Amino acid sequence: MGQFSVTINSEAGLNDLHLFIVVPFTGVQALFLLDMGLSAGRSLLEHRKEISGGVLVFGCLMPVIGSVFGAGFAKLVGLSTGGTFLLMVLSASASYIAVPAAMRLTLPQAKSGIYLTLALGVTFPFNLTLGMPLYFLLASWL
């Protein structure tokens, strides 16, 4: 039998696997996001009256709480200001793609119009506009 060997920890190895990993991932990700968007749109139309002010406040308050936990852990392990800021942003974001997909699989009865609207329509814009500057100020202060 012939020998087949691929070293994936080099640029040449990545080039060997590019058509197998990188190219299909882009297409699959596009289809996945399209499906999530269609599902969220349908569910949002059905449950739009259930999105209250309290839910919107939660969508803005929870990332700040997550970032504070991230800041505390960063301080505990002695991260730099940049490392602290990055950990705070990651803690505040709580994954905009993985968590909704996990919710959809584990709790199919959950209303996707609510959790997707919160993740992509409230928390994500909040983090980009107000959250990240706030997290940077806190990381600099620490």
N, C-alpha and C. Protein backbone atom coordinates (compact mmCIF):
# COMPACT_ATOMS: atom_id res chain seq x y z
N MET A 1 0.84 -1.18 0.00
CA MET A 1 0.00 0.00 0.00
C MET A 1 0.88 1.24 0.00
N GLY A 2 0.37 2.29 -0.63
CA GLY A 2 1.09 3.55 -0.67
C GLY A 2 0.97 4.27 0.65
N GLN A 3 1.82 5.23 0.81
CA GLN A 3 1.83 6.00 2.04
C GLN A 3 1.20 7.37 1.77
N PHE A 4 0.33 7.82 2.68
CA PHE A 4 -0.30 9.13 2.55
C PHE A 4 0.01 9.91 3.81
N SER A 5 0.58 11.06 3.64
CA SER A 5 0.95 11.87 4.80
C SER A 5 0.67 13.34 4.51
N VAL A 6 0.03 13.99 5.44
CA VAL A 6 -0.24 15.42 5.33
C VAL A 6 0.16 16.06 6.64
N THR A 7 0.98 17.09 6.55
CA THR A 7 1.34 17.86 7.73
C THR A 7 0.46 19.10 7.73
N ILE A 8 -0.43 19.18 8.71
CA ILE A 8 -1.38 20.30 8.70
C ILE A 8 -0.91 21.48 9.53
N ASN A 9 0.24 21.39 10.15
CA ASN A 9 0.72 22.50 10.97
C ASN A 9 1.70 23.38 10.22
N SER A 10 1.57 23.43 8.90
CA SER A 10 2.41 24.30 8.09
C SER A 10 1.56 24.90 6.99
N GLU A 11 2.10 25.90 6.32
CA GLU A 11 1.36 26.54 5.23
C GLU A 11 1.10 25.54 4.10
N ALA A 12 2.07 24.69 3.81
CA ALA A 12 1.89 23.67 2.77
C ALA A 12 0.77 22.70 3.15
N GLY A 13 0.72 22.34 4.42
CA GLY A 13 -0.33 21.45 4.88
C GLY A 13 -1.71 22.07 4.75
N LEU A 14 -1.81 23.36 5.07
CA LEU A 14 -3.08 24.06 4.92
C LEU A 14 -3.48 24.13 3.45
N ASN A 15 -2.52 24.38 2.59
CA ASN A 15 -2.82 24.41 1.16
C ASN A 15 -3.33 23.06 0.68
N ASP A 16 -2.77 21.96 1.21
CA ASP A 16 -3.22 20.62 0.84
C ASP A 16 -4.68 20.38 1.25
N LEU A 17 -5.09 20.95 2.37
CA LEU A 17 -6.43 20.72 2.91
C LEU A 17 -7.42 21.83 2.56
N HIS A 18 -6.97 22.88 1.89
CA HIS A 18 -7.81 24.05 1.60
C HIS A 18 -9.13 23.66 0.92
N LEU A 19 -9.07 22.86 -0.12
CA LEU A 19 -10.29 22.48 -0.84
C LEU A 19 -11.17 21.54 -0.03
N PHE A 20 -10.59 20.84 0.93
CA PHE A 20 -11.35 19.89 1.73
C PHE A 20 -12.01 20.55 2.95
N ILE A 21 -11.36 21.57 3.51
CA ILE A 21 -11.86 22.18 4.75
C ILE A 21 -12.37 23.59 4.54
N VAL A 22 -11.56 24.47 3.99
CA VAL A 22 -11.89 25.90 3.93
C VAL A 22 -13.04 26.17 2.97
N VAL A 23 -12.97 25.66 1.76
CA VAL A 23 -13.99 25.95 0.74
C VAL A 23 -15.37 25.42 1.16
N PRO A 24 -15.49 24.14 1.57
CA PRO A 24 -16.83 23.67 1.97
C PRO A 24 -17.38 24.40 3.20
N PHE A 25 -16.50 24.79 4.12
CA PHE A 25 -16.96 25.46 5.34
C PHE A 25 -17.72 26.74 5.00
N THR A 26 -17.22 27.50 4.04
CA THR A 26 -17.86 28.76 3.68
C THR A 26 -19.28 28.52 3.18
N GLY A 27 -19.46 27.53 2.32
CA GLY A 27 -20.80 27.22 1.81
C GLY A 27 -21.73 26.70 2.88
N VAL A 28 -21.24 25.79 3.69
CA VAL A 28 -22.07 25.22 4.76
C VAL A 28 -22.45 26.31 5.77
N GLN A 29 -21.51 27.18 6.10
CA GLN A 29 -21.80 28.27 7.04
C GLN A 29 -22.87 29.20 6.46
N ALA A 30 -22.79 29.51 5.19
CA ALA A 30 -23.79 30.38 4.56
C ALA A 30 -25.18 29.75 4.62
N LEU A 31 -25.27 28.45 4.32
CA LEU A 31 -26.56 27.76 4.39
C LEU A 31 -27.08 27.70 5.83
N PHE A 32 -26.18 27.45 6.78
CA PHE A 32 -26.56 27.39 8.19
C PHE A 32 -27.12 28.74 8.65
N LEU A 33 -26.43 29.82 8.31
CA LEU A 33 -26.89 31.15 8.73
C LEU A 33 -28.19 31.53 8.03
N LEU A 34 -28.35 31.15 6.78
CA LEU A 34 -29.60 31.40 6.07
C LEU A 34 -30.74 30.67 6.76
N ASP A 35 -30.54 29.40 7.11
CA ASP A 35 -31.56 28.63 7.80
C ASP A 35 -31.91 29.24 9.15
N MET A 36 -30.89 29.67 9.90
CA MET A 36 -31.15 30.30 11.20
C MET A 36 -31.94 31.59 11.03
N GLY A 37 -31.58 32.37 10.02
CA GLY A 37 -32.29 33.63 9.77
C GLY A 37 -33.74 33.41 9.40
N LEU A 38 -34.00 32.42 8.53
CA LEU A 38 -35.38 32.12 8.15
C LEU A 38 -36.19 31.62 9.35
N SER A 39 -35.57 30.76 10.15
CA SER A 39 -36.23 30.24 11.34
C SER A 39 -36.54 31.37 12.32
N ALA A 40 -35.58 32.25 12.52
CA ALA A 40 -35.78 33.37 13.44
C ALA A 40 -36.87 34.30 12.93
N GLY A 41 -36.87 34.56 11.64
CA GLY A 41 -37.88 35.45 11.07
C GLY A 41 -39.29 34.92 11.24
N ARG A 42 -39.46 33.62 10.96
CA ARG A 42 -40.78 33.01 11.14
C ARG A 42 -41.21 33.05 12.61
N SER A 43 -40.29 32.70 13.50
CA SER A 43 -40.61 32.67 14.93
C SER A 43 -40.84 34.08 15.48
N LEU A 44 -40.09 35.04 14.98
CA LEU A 44 -40.27 36.42 15.44
C LEU A 44 -41.65 36.94 15.08
N LEU A 45 -42.11 36.63 13.90
CA LEU A 45 -43.46 37.05 13.51
C LEU A 45 -44.51 36.44 14.42
N GLU A 46 -44.32 35.19 14.80
CA GLU A 46 -45.28 34.52 15.67
C GLU A 46 -45.24 35.03 17.11
N HIS A 47 -44.06 35.41 17.59
CA HIS A 47 -43.89 35.73 19.02
C HIS A 47 -43.48 37.18 19.27
N ARG A 48 -43.74 38.08 18.33
CA ARG A 48 -43.26 39.46 18.47
C ARG A 48 -43.84 40.18 19.68
N LYS A 49 -45.01 39.79 20.13
CA LYS A 49 -45.61 40.44 21.29
C LYS A 49 -44.95 40.02 22.61
N GLU A 50 -44.17 38.93 22.57
CA GLU A 50 -43.51 38.43 23.78
C GLU A 50 -42.17 39.09 24.04
N ILE A 51 -41.69 39.91 23.12
CA ILE A 51 -40.41 40.60 23.32
C ILE A 51 -40.71 41.91 24.03
N SER A 52 -40.52 41.89 25.32
CA SER A 52 -40.86 43.03 26.17
C SER A 52 -39.63 43.87 26.47
N GLY A 53 -39.84 44.96 27.16
CA GLY A 53 -38.74 45.81 27.58
C GLY A 53 -37.77 45.08 28.49
N GLY A 54 -38.29 44.20 29.34
CA GLY A 54 -37.42 43.43 30.23
C GLY A 54 -36.48 42.51 29.48
N VAL A 55 -36.97 41.92 28.41
CA VAL A 55 -36.14 41.04 27.58
C VAL A 55 -35.04 41.86 26.91
N LEU A 56 -35.38 43.05 26.44
CA LEU A 56 -34.38 43.92 25.81
C LEU A 56 -33.33 44.39 26.81
N VAL A 57 -33.76 44.71 28.03
CA VAL A 57 -32.81 45.10 29.07
C VAL A 57 -31.88 43.93 29.39
N PHE A 58 -32.42 42.72 29.45
CA PHE A 58 -31.60 41.53 29.69
C PHE A 58 -30.55 41.38 28.59
N GLY A 59 -30.93 41.63 27.34
CA GLY A 59 -30.01 41.52 26.22
C GLY A 59 -28.86 42.51 26.28
N CYS A 60 -29.05 43.61 27.01
CA CYS A 60 -27.97 44.60 27.18
C CYS A 60 -27.23 44.43 28.51
N LEU A 61 -27.91 43.93 29.52
CA LEU A 61 -27.30 43.80 30.84
C LEU A 61 -26.45 42.54 30.97
N MET A 62 -26.89 41.44 30.39
CA MET A 62 -26.17 40.17 30.54
C MET A 62 -24.75 40.22 29.98
N PRO A 63 -24.51 40.87 28.82
CA PRO A 63 -23.13 40.93 28.35
C PRO A 63 -22.21 41.70 29.30
N VAL A 64 -22.74 42.72 29.95
CA VAL A 64 -21.93 43.49 30.91
C VAL A 64 -21.57 42.59 32.09
N ILE A 65 -22.52 41.80 32.56
CA ILE A 65 -22.25 40.87 33.67
C ILE A 65 -21.20 39.85 33.23
N GLY A 66 -21.33 39.31 32.03
CA GLY A 66 -20.34 38.36 31.52
C GLY A 66 -18.96 38.98 31.42
N SER A 67 -18.90 40.24 30.98
CA SER A 67 -17.60 40.92 30.86
C SER A 67 -16.96 41.15 32.22
N VAL A 68 -17.75 41.40 33.24
CA VAL A 68 -17.21 41.59 34.59
C VAL A 68 -16.60 40.28 35.09
N PHE A 69 -17.26 39.16 34.82
CA PHE A 69 -16.67 37.86 35.17
C PHE A 69 -15.36 37.64 34.41
N GLY A 70 -15.35 38.00 33.13
CA GLY A 70 -14.13 37.89 32.33
C GLY A 70 -13.01 38.75 32.89
N ALA A 71 -13.35 39.96 33.32
CA ALA A 71 -12.35 40.87 33.90
C ALA A 71 -11.79 40.30 35.20
N GLY A 72 -12.67 39.74 36.01
CA GLY A 72 -12.22 39.15 37.27
C GLY A 72 -11.26 37.99 37.04
N PHE A 73 -11.58 37.13 36.08
CA PHE A 73 -10.71 36.01 35.77
C PHE A 73 -9.39 36.50 35.20
N ALA A 74 -9.45 37.51 34.33
CA ALA A 74 -8.23 38.06 33.73
C ALA A 74 -7.31 38.64 34.81
N LYS A 75 -7.90 39.32 35.77
CA LYS A 75 -7.12 39.89 36.88
C LYS A 75 -6.51 38.77 37.71
N LEU A 76 -7.28 37.71 37.93
CA LEU A 76 -6.83 36.58 38.73
C LEU A 76 -5.61 35.89 38.11
N VAL A 77 -5.59 35.75 36.79
CA VAL A 77 -4.48 35.07 36.13
C VAL A 77 -3.41 36.04 35.63
N GLY A 78 -3.60 37.34 35.84
CA GLY A 78 -2.56 38.31 35.52
C GLY A 78 -2.42 38.66 34.05
N LEU A 79 -3.53 38.74 33.32
CA LEU A 79 -3.45 39.11 31.91
C LEU A 79 -3.12 40.59 31.73
N SER A 80 -2.56 40.91 30.58
CA SER A 80 -2.27 42.30 30.23
C SER A 80 -3.58 43.04 29.97
N THR A 81 -3.48 44.35 29.74
CA THR A 81 -4.68 45.14 29.44
C THR A 81 -5.35 44.62 28.18
N GLY A 82 -4.57 44.34 27.13
CA GLY A 82 -5.14 43.81 25.89
C GLY A 82 -5.76 42.44 26.09
N GLY A 83 -5.10 41.57 26.84
CA GLY A 83 -5.64 40.26 27.13
C GLY A 83 -6.92 40.35 27.95
N THR A 84 -6.94 41.27 28.90
CA THR A 84 -8.14 41.47 29.72
C THR A 84 -9.29 41.95 28.86
N PHE A 85 -9.02 42.93 27.99
CA PHE A 85 -10.06 43.45 27.10
C PHE A 85 -10.61 42.33 26.21
N LEU A 86 -9.73 41.54 25.63
CA LEU A 86 -10.17 40.45 24.75
C LEU A 86 -11.02 39.44 25.51
N LEU A 87 -10.59 39.06 26.70
CA LEU A 87 -11.37 38.10 27.48
C LEU A 87 -12.72 38.69 27.87
N MET A 88 -12.76 39.98 28.16
CA MET A 88 -14.03 40.64 28.49
C MET A 88 -14.98 40.62 27.29
N VAL A 89 -14.46 40.92 26.10
CA VAL A 89 -15.30 40.92 24.91
C VAL A 89 -15.82 39.51 24.63
N LEU A 90 -14.95 38.51 24.75
CA LEU A 90 -15.38 37.13 24.52
C LEU A 90 -16.42 36.70 25.56
N SER A 91 -16.21 37.10 26.80
CA SER A 91 -17.17 36.74 27.86
C SER A 91 -18.51 37.44 27.66
N ALA A 92 -18.47 38.63 27.12
CA ALA A 92 -19.70 39.39 26.91
C ALA A 92 -20.48 38.90 25.69
N SER A 93 -19.77 38.36 24.72
CA SER A 93 -20.46 37.99 23.48
C SER A 93 -21.24 36.68 23.59
N ALA A 94 -20.76 35.75 24.38
CA ALA A 94 -21.46 34.47 24.61
C ALA A 94 -21.84 33.75 23.33
N SER A 95 -21.07 33.94 22.30
CA SER A 95 -21.19 33.26 21.01
C SER A 95 -22.54 33.50 20.34
N TYR A 96 -22.49 34.23 19.26
CA TYR A 96 -23.70 34.58 18.53
C TYR A 96 -24.16 33.47 17.59
N ILE A 97 -23.32 32.49 17.31
CA ILE A 97 -23.70 31.41 16.40
C ILE A 97 -23.86 30.10 17.15
N ALA A 98 -22.92 29.74 17.99
CA ALA A 98 -22.95 28.43 18.65
C ALA A 98 -24.11 28.29 19.63
N VAL A 99 -24.36 29.30 20.42
CA VAL A 99 -25.41 29.18 21.44
C VAL A 99 -26.80 29.06 20.80
N PRO A 100 -27.16 29.91 19.82
CA PRO A 100 -28.47 29.69 19.19
C PRO A 100 -28.61 28.31 18.55
N ALA A 101 -27.54 27.82 17.93
CA ALA A 101 -27.61 26.47 17.34
C ALA A 101 -27.78 25.42 18.42
N ALA A 102 -27.08 25.56 19.52
CA ALA A 102 -27.22 24.61 20.63
C ALA A 102 -28.62 24.67 21.22
N MET A 103 -29.16 25.87 21.35
CA MET A 103 -30.53 26.02 21.86
C MET A 103 -31.52 25.32 20.93
N ARG A 104 -31.32 25.50 19.65
CA ARG A 104 -32.23 24.92 18.67
C ARG A 104 -32.23 23.39 18.74
N LEU A 105 -31.04 22.81 18.97
CA LEU A 105 -30.95 21.35 19.03
C LEU A 105 -31.41 20.79 20.37
N THR A 106 -31.04 21.44 21.46
CA THR A 106 -31.34 20.88 22.78
C THR A 106 -32.72 21.27 23.30
N LEU A 107 -33.21 22.43 22.90
CA LEU A 107 -34.54 22.88 23.33
C LEU A 107 -35.36 23.30 22.12
N PRO A 108 -35.81 22.32 21.32
CA PRO A 108 -36.53 22.68 20.10
C PRO A 108 -37.83 23.45 20.34
N GLN A 109 -38.38 23.34 21.55
CA GLN A 109 -39.61 24.05 21.85
C GLN A 109 -39.34 25.53 22.20
N ALA A 110 -38.07 25.91 22.39
CA ALA A 110 -37.74 27.31 22.69
C ALA A 110 -38.09 28.17 21.48
N LYS A 111 -38.44 29.39 21.73
CA LYS A 111 -38.89 30.30 20.68
C LYS A 111 -37.69 31.02 20.07
N SER A 112 -37.28 30.55 18.89
CA SER A 112 -36.07 31.09 18.25
C SER A 112 -36.20 32.57 17.93
N GLY A 113 -37.39 33.05 17.69
CA GLY A 113 -37.57 34.47 17.42
C GLY A 113 -37.14 35.34 18.57
N ILE A 114 -37.19 34.79 19.78
CA ILE A 114 -36.79 35.57 20.96
C ILE A 114 -35.29 35.46 21.17
N TYR A 115 -34.74 34.25 21.23
CA TYR A 115 -33.30 34.16 21.54
C TYR A 115 -32.43 34.61 20.39
N LEU A 116 -32.85 34.43 19.15
CA LEU A 116 -32.06 34.95 18.04
C LEU A 116 -32.15 36.47 17.94
N THR A 117 -33.34 37.01 18.21
CA THR A 117 -33.49 38.46 18.22
C THR A 117 -32.61 39.07 19.30
N LEU A 118 -32.57 38.45 20.47
CA LEU A 118 -31.72 38.95 21.54
C LEU A 118 -30.25 38.88 21.16
N ALA A 119 -29.81 37.71 20.65
CA ALA A 119 -28.40 37.52 20.35
C ALA A 119 -27.94 38.41 19.21
N LEU A 120 -28.68 38.40 18.10
CA LEU A 120 -28.21 39.09 16.89
C LEU A 120 -28.77 40.50 16.74
N GLY A 121 -29.91 40.78 17.35
CA GLY A 121 -30.53 42.10 17.18
C GLY A 121 -30.35 43.04 18.35
N VAL A 122 -29.96 42.51 19.51
CA VAL A 122 -29.80 43.37 20.69
C VAL A 122 -28.37 43.29 21.23
N THR A 123 -27.93 42.09 21.65
CA THR A 123 -26.63 41.95 22.29
C THR A 123 -25.48 42.28 21.36
N PHE A 124 -25.51 41.78 20.13
CA PHE A 124 -24.43 42.04 19.18
C PHE A 124 -24.27 43.54 18.89
N PRO A 125 -25.34 44.26 18.53
CA PRO A 125 -25.17 45.71 18.31
C PRO A 125 -24.77 46.46 19.59
N PHE A 126 -25.31 46.02 20.73
CA PHE A 126 -24.92 46.66 21.99
C PHE A 126 -23.42 46.53 22.23
N ASN A 127 -22.90 45.30 22.05
CA ASN A 127 -21.47 45.08 22.26
C ASN A 127 -20.62 45.91 21.30
N LEU A 128 -21.05 46.03 20.06
CA LEU A 128 -20.27 46.80 19.09
C LEU A 128 -20.27 48.30 19.38
N THR A 129 -21.40 48.83 19.79
CA THR A 129 -21.52 50.28 19.94
C THR A 129 -21.17 50.79 21.34
N LEU A 130 -21.67 50.16 22.35
CA LEU A 130 -21.46 50.63 23.73
C LEU A 130 -20.59 49.70 24.57
N GLY A 131 -20.77 48.41 24.38
CA GLY A 131 -20.08 47.44 25.22
C GLY A 131 -18.57 47.47 25.09
N MET A 132 -18.07 47.39 23.86
CA MET A 132 -16.61 47.32 23.68
C MET A 132 -15.89 48.56 24.22
N PRO A 133 -16.39 49.76 23.98
CA PRO A 133 -15.72 50.91 24.62
C PRO A 133 -15.77 50.83 26.15
N LEU A 134 -16.88 50.37 26.69
CA LEU A 134 -17.00 50.21 28.14
C LEU A 134 -16.02 49.17 28.66
N TYR A 135 -15.91 48.04 27.95
CA TYR A 135 -14.99 46.98 28.37
C TYR A 135 -13.54 47.46 28.29
N PHE A 136 -13.23 48.25 27.27
CA PHE A 136 -11.86 48.77 27.14
C PHE A 136 -11.53 49.71 28.29
N LEU A 137 -12.48 50.58 28.64
CA LEU A 137 -12.25 51.49 29.78
C LEU A 137 -12.02 50.70 31.07
N LEU A 138 -12.83 49.68 31.29
CA LEU A 138 -12.69 48.87 32.50
C LEU A 138 -11.36 48.11 32.48
N ALA A 139 -11.00 47.54 31.35
CA ALA A 139 -9.73 46.81 31.25
C ALA A 139 -8.55 47.75 31.48
N SER A 140 -8.61 48.97 30.97
CA SER A 140 -7.55 49.96 31.18
C SER A 140 -7.47 50.38 32.63
N TRP A 141 -8.62 50.49 33.29
CA TRP A 141 -8.66 50.89 34.69
C TRP A 141 -8.06 49.81 35.59
N LEU A 142 -8.30 48.54 35.22
CA LEU A 142 -7.78 47.43 36.02
C LEU A 142 -6.28 47.35 35.87
